[in-house]
């Protein structure tokens, strides 16, 4: 019998807001959606906001005095206000809309490549990342390193999926210009020690960029408390639509750093000889922005805020603790990453004996259970632990203990199938 866990939300009531969770798949099997680290499902409130925007307010923003243009602009800029409040940004002008977290991370990398001193990354400087990063927080820095000659360094991993900071003073040095790391690993679930990394970066005058893609949906995100210089995250993992991301940056940095993309909206004046640029955030939002997507993300933030991020975090902690306990009952299953609920998020990666994760995922899918298989855009982690891939189950505010039980039963079926 599925237990009653302390700290749980009324997930059954919440699930009524998510139409897709009522789906039946594979000849009438109930959908068990455990792929939330890849993308979240969308509540009706977000779907309605998108539909209403296109049905009633569709127009380009900042470019007209007619009613629709003014209303669309108010909705778009209103979404910026909501995001600023959600992350406790000192100013709404520090919130830049992008198309996803990958673009946000690339934006910072490219700004630093073109910046003047003291921010410029060049052949005399160093870039620091970690071995547990998503490819979106590795490849942009590799490209910047190749283009500028800067040295790329990284923190390795311990056997239990934590960052090895034993040599932090040798990794982050006086030459370091930027330290970029994930707040919560998308593959290991590890919550990283922000305070130690930020403190060391500040000691040497390095900038700090935090990838909060796996944090913003699941916990209170306070950019002032983090004391970072930049924070990036995406909308589609936090109940919002695809095609919308966020980069928060400190106002003084955004004023000093150069734009990356050129075009409409990001300019003040243009002549055939030169251009001058609008202040932030518009300096970094060239062209027609993702208007409807921003409105949808604003609706998602409203939904999350109404429940409370602290309550969502408590719910997920309880679900994750239960999932870790149940998964340890499966013979041959090995958790990749922290195997206790302390200091971890709600994504759990594992291997199952010598059964390939793709086979695990396919058999689970036939039972209606949606998980993610592969290296999860974090191949260096798989190389570190000598595995080709993992199966990943990831939970959210609408996940239930019964779904954890279904996963465990499904894995027993996988074991029997490959007997």
Foldseek 3Di string as FASTA:
>chain_A
DQDDFPLADPLVVVCVQFVVQQDADQVGFGFLEFALLVFDTAGVLLVVLLVCCVVPQDDFEPPDDDDSNVVLNCLLLVLLVLVCVQQVPPDSLQKAKFQFLLVLLLFVLVLQCPADPPRHAALQAEEEEELLDFLSNVVSVVVSCVVHNHHYYYFYADQQAATDCVPVDVRQDLRYAEYEYECAGSAQQFGHDLVVNVVSCVVNVHAYEYEDQVPSQAARRHPVVSVHQKYKYGQRSNNFDHRIIIIGGDQVVQQRTAEDDDAPQQFDDDDPVDTHGDGGPSVHQHDGGPSSRSSSSSSSSVVDVVVPNVSFNSNLLRLQQLLLVLQVVQPQKDWRHHSHSPRGGFKIWIDRHPDALVLLQVQLVSNNYHWDKFANSSVSSCVVVVHGITIMGGDGSSRDSVSSVSSSVSVVVSVVVVD
